[in-house]
Amino acid sequence: MRKKPVNPGGLFHVHRTVSDMKASIDFYVTVLGYYYDHGTTEMAWLRKPGLLLTLSPGETVLDLGSYLGWTVEDADELSKIYAELERRRLRLSAPPDQENNQHYFFLYDPDDYPIAFSVQQFEE
């Protein structure tokens, strides 16, 4: 008998341990458009529609195979986002390269956590 999958409601929740709470809150709010919900020096809650990001101070442990990411509709939108982030002098990977089938790039937060931006490439 096939078991019914679990279908949780609410928000998708991601947690990051950060070295500097103020710098991280500023980054996620001013660069990525999160809303600062509430928090203290021990934990901060940041929101976007459908997503909760919590931050707490501590020793950061980077796992480059684990990252936040957004998909966009097309290569033009991806290029525009890259150009805007580059204009703001943020730390970025190499730009998207359509000729070499690289439809993504990474932005790095104050603790060097990677944040991926890519073109949506799955069938609907």
C-alpha atoms as a PDB file:
ATOM      1  CA  MET A   1       0.000   0.000   0.000  1.00  0.00           C
ATOM      2  CA  ARG A   2       1.389   3.387  -0.994  1.00  0.00           C
ATOM      3  CA  LYS A   3       1.708   5.826   1.880  1.00  0.00           C
ATOM      4  CA  LYS A   4       0.337   9.337   1.581  1.00  0.00           C
ATOM      5  CA  PRO A   5       3.129  11.966   1.559  1.00  0.00           C
ATOM      6  CA  VAL A   6       3.465  14.495   4.325  1.00  0.00           C
ATOM      7  CA  ASN A   7       2.315  17.914   3.133  1.00  0.00           C
ATOM      8  CA  PRO A   8       3.350  20.517   5.723  1.00  0.00           C
ATOM      9  CA  GLY A   9       1.736  23.934   5.676  1.00  0.00           C
ATOM     10  CA  GLY A  10       3.176  27.229   6.785  1.00  0.00           C
ATOM     11  CA  LEU A  11       6.489  28.703   5.679  1.00  0.00           C
ATOM     12  CA  PHE A  12       9.587  27.057   4.261  1.00  0.00           C
ATOM     13  CA  HIS A  13      12.216  27.652   6.947  1.00  0.00           C
ATOM     14  CA  VAL A  14      15.990  27.997   6.487  1.00  0.00           C
ATOM     15  CA  HIS A  15      18.452  28.779   9.274  1.00  0.00           C
ATOM     16  CA  ARG A  16      21.925  30.323   9.015  1.00  0.00           C
ATOM     17  CA  THR A  17      24.568  30.746  11.696  1.00  0.00           C
ATOM     18  CA  VAL A  18      26.313  34.065  11.071  1.00  0.00           C
ATOM     19  CA  SER A  19      29.405  35.831  12.374  1.00  0.00           C
ATOM     20  CA  ASP A  20      27.880  39.335  12.450  1.00  0.00           C
ATOM     21  CA  MET A  21      24.154  39.659  13.062  1.00  0.00           C
ATOM     22  CA  LYS A  22      23.880  43.311  11.974  1.00  0.00           C
ATOM     23  CA  ALA A  23      25.810  42.800   8.720  1.00  0.00           C
ATOM     24  CA  SER A  24      23.776  39.702   7.857  1.00  0.00           C
ATOM     25  CA  ILE A  25      20.411  41.292   8.657  1.00  0.00           C
ATOM     26  CA  ASP A  26      21.355  44.360   6.598  1.00  0.00           C
ATOM     27  CA  PHE A  27      22.426  42.156   3.671  1.00  0.00           C
ATOM     28  CA  TYR A  28      19.276  40.016   3.559  1.00  0.00           C
ATOM     29  CA  VAL A  29      16.985  43.026   4.013  1.00  0.00           C
ATOM     30  CA  THR A  30      18.666  45.550   1.691  1.00  0.00           C
ATOM     31  CA  VAL A  31      20.032  43.206  -0.992  1.00  0.00           C
ATOM     32  CA  LEU A  32      17.490  40.371  -1.133  1.00  0.00           C
ATOM     33  CA  GLY A  33      14.379  42.182   0.052  1.00  0.00           C
ATOM     34  CA  TYR A  34      13.602  40.204   3.190  1.00  0.00           C
ATOM     35  CA  TYR A  35      11.363  41.848   5.758  1.00  0.00           C
ATOM     36  CA  TYR A  36      12.855  42.074   9.268  1.00  0.00           C
ATOM     37  CA  ASP A  37      10.094  40.513  11.331  1.00  0.00           C
ATOM     38  CA  HIS A  38      11.641  40.532  14.791  1.00  0.00           C
ATOM     39  CA  GLY A  39      14.633  39.370  16.729  1.00  0.00           C
ATOM     40  CA  THR A  40      17.309  39.963  19.258  1.00  0.00           C
ATOM     41  CA  THR A  41      21.059  39.602  19.335  1.00  0.00           C
ATOM     42  CA  GLU A  42      20.507  35.836  19.782  1.00  0.00           C
ATOM     43  CA  MET A  43      18.069  35.172  16.912  1.00  0.00           C
ATOM     44  CA  ALA A  44      16.505  37.184  14.107  1.00  0.00           C
ATOM     45  CA  TRP A  45      13.480  36.288  11.976  1.00  0.00           C
ATOM     46  CA  LEU A  46      13.424  37.525   8.381  1.00  0.00           C
ATOM     47  CA  ARG A  47      10.579  36.835   5.953  1.00  0.00           C
ATOM     48  CA  LYS A  48       9.736  36.746   2.275  1.00  0.00           C
ATOM     49  CA  PRO A  49       6.431  35.372   0.983  1.00  0.00           C
ATOM     50  CA  GLY A  50       6.412  31.672   1.808  1.00  0.00           C
ATOM     51  CA  LEU A  51       9.915  31.725   3.328  1.00  0.00           C
ATOM     52  CA  LEU A  52      11.278  32.263   6.836  1.00  0.00           C
ATOM     53  CA  LEU A  53      15.019  32.820   7.287  1.00  0.00           C
ATOM     54  CA  THR A  54      16.335  32.744  10.838  1.00  0.00           C
ATOM     55  CA  LEU A  55      19.794  33.959  11.770  1.00  0.00           C
ATOM     56  CA  SER A  56      21.752  33.315  14.945  1.00  0.00           C
ATOM     57  CA  PRO A  57      25.294  34.276  15.949  1.00  0.00           C
ATOM     58  CA  GLY A  58      28.002  31.661  16.038  1.00  0.00           C
ATOM     59  CA  GLU A  59      30.778  29.970  14.166  1.00  0.00           C
ATOM     60  CA  THR A  60      29.873  29.632  10.501  1.00  0.00           C
ATOM     61  CA  VAL A  61      30.376  26.308   8.787  1.00  0.00           C
ATOM     62  CA  LEU A  62      30.106  26.577   5.032  1.00  0.00           C
ATOM     63  CA  ASP A  63      28.632  23.683   3.098  1.00  0.00           C
ATOM     64  CA  LEU A  64      29.039  24.765  -0.503  1.00  0.00           C
ATOM     65  CA  GLY A  65      26.663  22.011  -1.596  1.00  0.00           C
ATOM     66  CA  SER A  66      23.860  23.654   0.372  1.00  0.00           C
ATOM     67  CA  TYR A  67      22.619  27.072  -0.653  1.00  0.00           C
ATOM     68  CA  LEU A  68      19.586  29.293  -0.976  1.00  0.00           C
ATOM     69  CA  GLY A  69      18.498  29.886  -4.521  1.00  0.00           C
ATOM     70  CA  TRP A  70      16.021  31.592  -6.793  1.00  0.00           C
ATOM     71  CA  THR A  71      14.948  30.750 -10.308  1.00  0.00           C
ATOM     72  CA  VAL A  72      13.955  33.377 -12.838  1.00  0.00           C
ATOM     73  CA  GLU A  73      11.961  33.075 -16.032  1.00  0.00           C
ATOM     74  CA  ASP A  74      14.634  33.782 -18.646  1.00  0.00           C
ATOM     75  CA  ALA A  75      18.261  34.648 -19.389  1.00  0.00           C
ATOM     76  CA  ASP A  76      17.519  38.367 -19.839  1.00  0.00           C
ATOM     77  CA  GLU A  77      16.108  38.648 -16.316  1.00  0.00           C
ATOM     78  CA  LEU A  78      19.095  36.721 -14.941  1.00  0.00           C
ATOM     79  CA  SER A  79      21.517  39.080 -16.696  1.00  0.00           C
ATOM     80  CA  LYS A  80      19.684  42.146 -15.371  1.00  0.00           C
ATOM     81  CA  ILE A  81      19.868  40.842 -11.793  1.00  0.00           C
ATOM     82  CA  TYR A  82      23.579  40.120 -12.174  1.00  0.00           C
ATOM     83  CA  ALA A  83      24.221  43.609 -13.563  1.00  0.00           C
ATOM     84  CA  GLU A  84      22.351  45.243 -10.667  1.00  0.00           C
ATOM     85  CA  LEU A  85      24.236  43.234  -8.045  1.00  0.00           C
ATOM     86  CA  GLU A  86      27.534  43.952  -9.800  1.00  0.00           C
ATOM     87  CA  ARG A  87      26.683  47.672  -9.906  1.00  0.00           C
ATOM     88  CA  ARG A  88      26.248  47.521  -6.124  1.00  0.00           C
ATOM     89  CA  ARG A  89      29.742  45.997  -5.863  1.00  0.00           C
ATOM     90  CA  LEU A  90      28.588  42.823  -4.162  1.00  0.00           C
ATOM     91  CA  ARG A  91      30.644  39.642  -4.157  1.00  0.00           C
ATOM     92  CA  LEU A  92      29.603  37.506  -7.132  1.00  0.00           C
ATOM     93  CA  SER A  93      30.750  34.474  -9.076  1.00  0.00           C
ATOM     94  CA  ALA A  94      31.406  34.720 -12.793  1.00  0.00           C
ATOM     95  CA  PRO A  95      28.421  36.094 -14.721  1.00  0.00           C
ATOM     96  CA  PRO A  96      25.950  33.862 -16.547  1.00  0.00           C
ATOM     97  CA  ASP A  97      27.380  32.680 -19.870  1.00  0.00           C
ATOM     98  CA  GLN A  98      24.658  31.697 -22.333  1.00  0.00           C
ATOM     99  CA  GLU A  99      27.159  30.620 -24.988  1.00  0.00           C
ATOM    100  CA  ASN A 100      28.622  27.995 -22.652  1.00  0.00           C
ATOM    101  CA  ASN A 101      25.228  26.939 -21.273  1.00  0.00           C
ATOM    102  CA  GLN A 102      25.923  28.453 -17.822  1.00  0.00           C
ATOM    103  CA  HIS A 103      22.485  29.760 -16.876  1.00  0.00           C
ATOM    104  CA  TYR A 104      23.316  30.671 -13.278  1.00  0.00           C
ATOM    105  CA  PHE A 105      25.533  32.700 -10.971  1.00  0.00           C
ATOM    106  CA  PHE A 106      26.181  32.971  -7.250  1.00  0.00           C
ATOM    107  CA  LEU A 107      25.950  35.926  -4.878  1.00  0.00           C
ATOM    108  CA  TYR A 108      27.789  35.569  -1.548  1.00  0.00           C
ATOM    109  CA  ASP A 109      26.503  36.892   1.765  1.00  0.00           C
ATOM    110  CA  PRO A 110      28.765  38.458   4.454  1.00  0.00           C
ATOM    111  CA  ASP A 111      29.803  34.972   5.665  1.00  0.00           C
ATOM    112  CA  ASP A 112      30.369  33.707   2.108  1.00  0.00           C
ATOM    113  CA  TYR A 113      27.241  31.557   2.062  1.00  0.00           C
ATOM    114  CA  PRO A 114      26.386  31.103  -1.633  1.00  0.00           C
ATOM    115  CA  ILE A 115      23.014  32.263  -2.959  1.00  0.00           C
ATOM    116  CA  ALA A 116      22.220  30.883  -6.408  1.00  0.00           C
ATOM    117  CA  PHE A 117      20.297  32.627  -9.171  1.00  0.00           C
ATOM    118  CA  SER A 118      19.390  30.517 -12.190  1.00  0.00           C
ATOM    119  CA  VAL A 119      17.072  30.302 -15.152  1.00  0.00           C
ATOM    120  CA  GLN A 120      14.101  28.023 -14.573  1.00  0.00           C
ATOM    121  CA  GLN A 121      14.846  24.980 -16.716  1.00  0.00           C
ATOM    122  CA  PHE A 122      12.329  22.384 -15.691  1.00  0.00           C
ATOM    123  CA  GLU A 123       9.220  21.360 -17.554  1.00  0.00           C
ATOM    124  CA  GLU A 124       5.911  22.517 -16.136  1.00  0.00           C
END
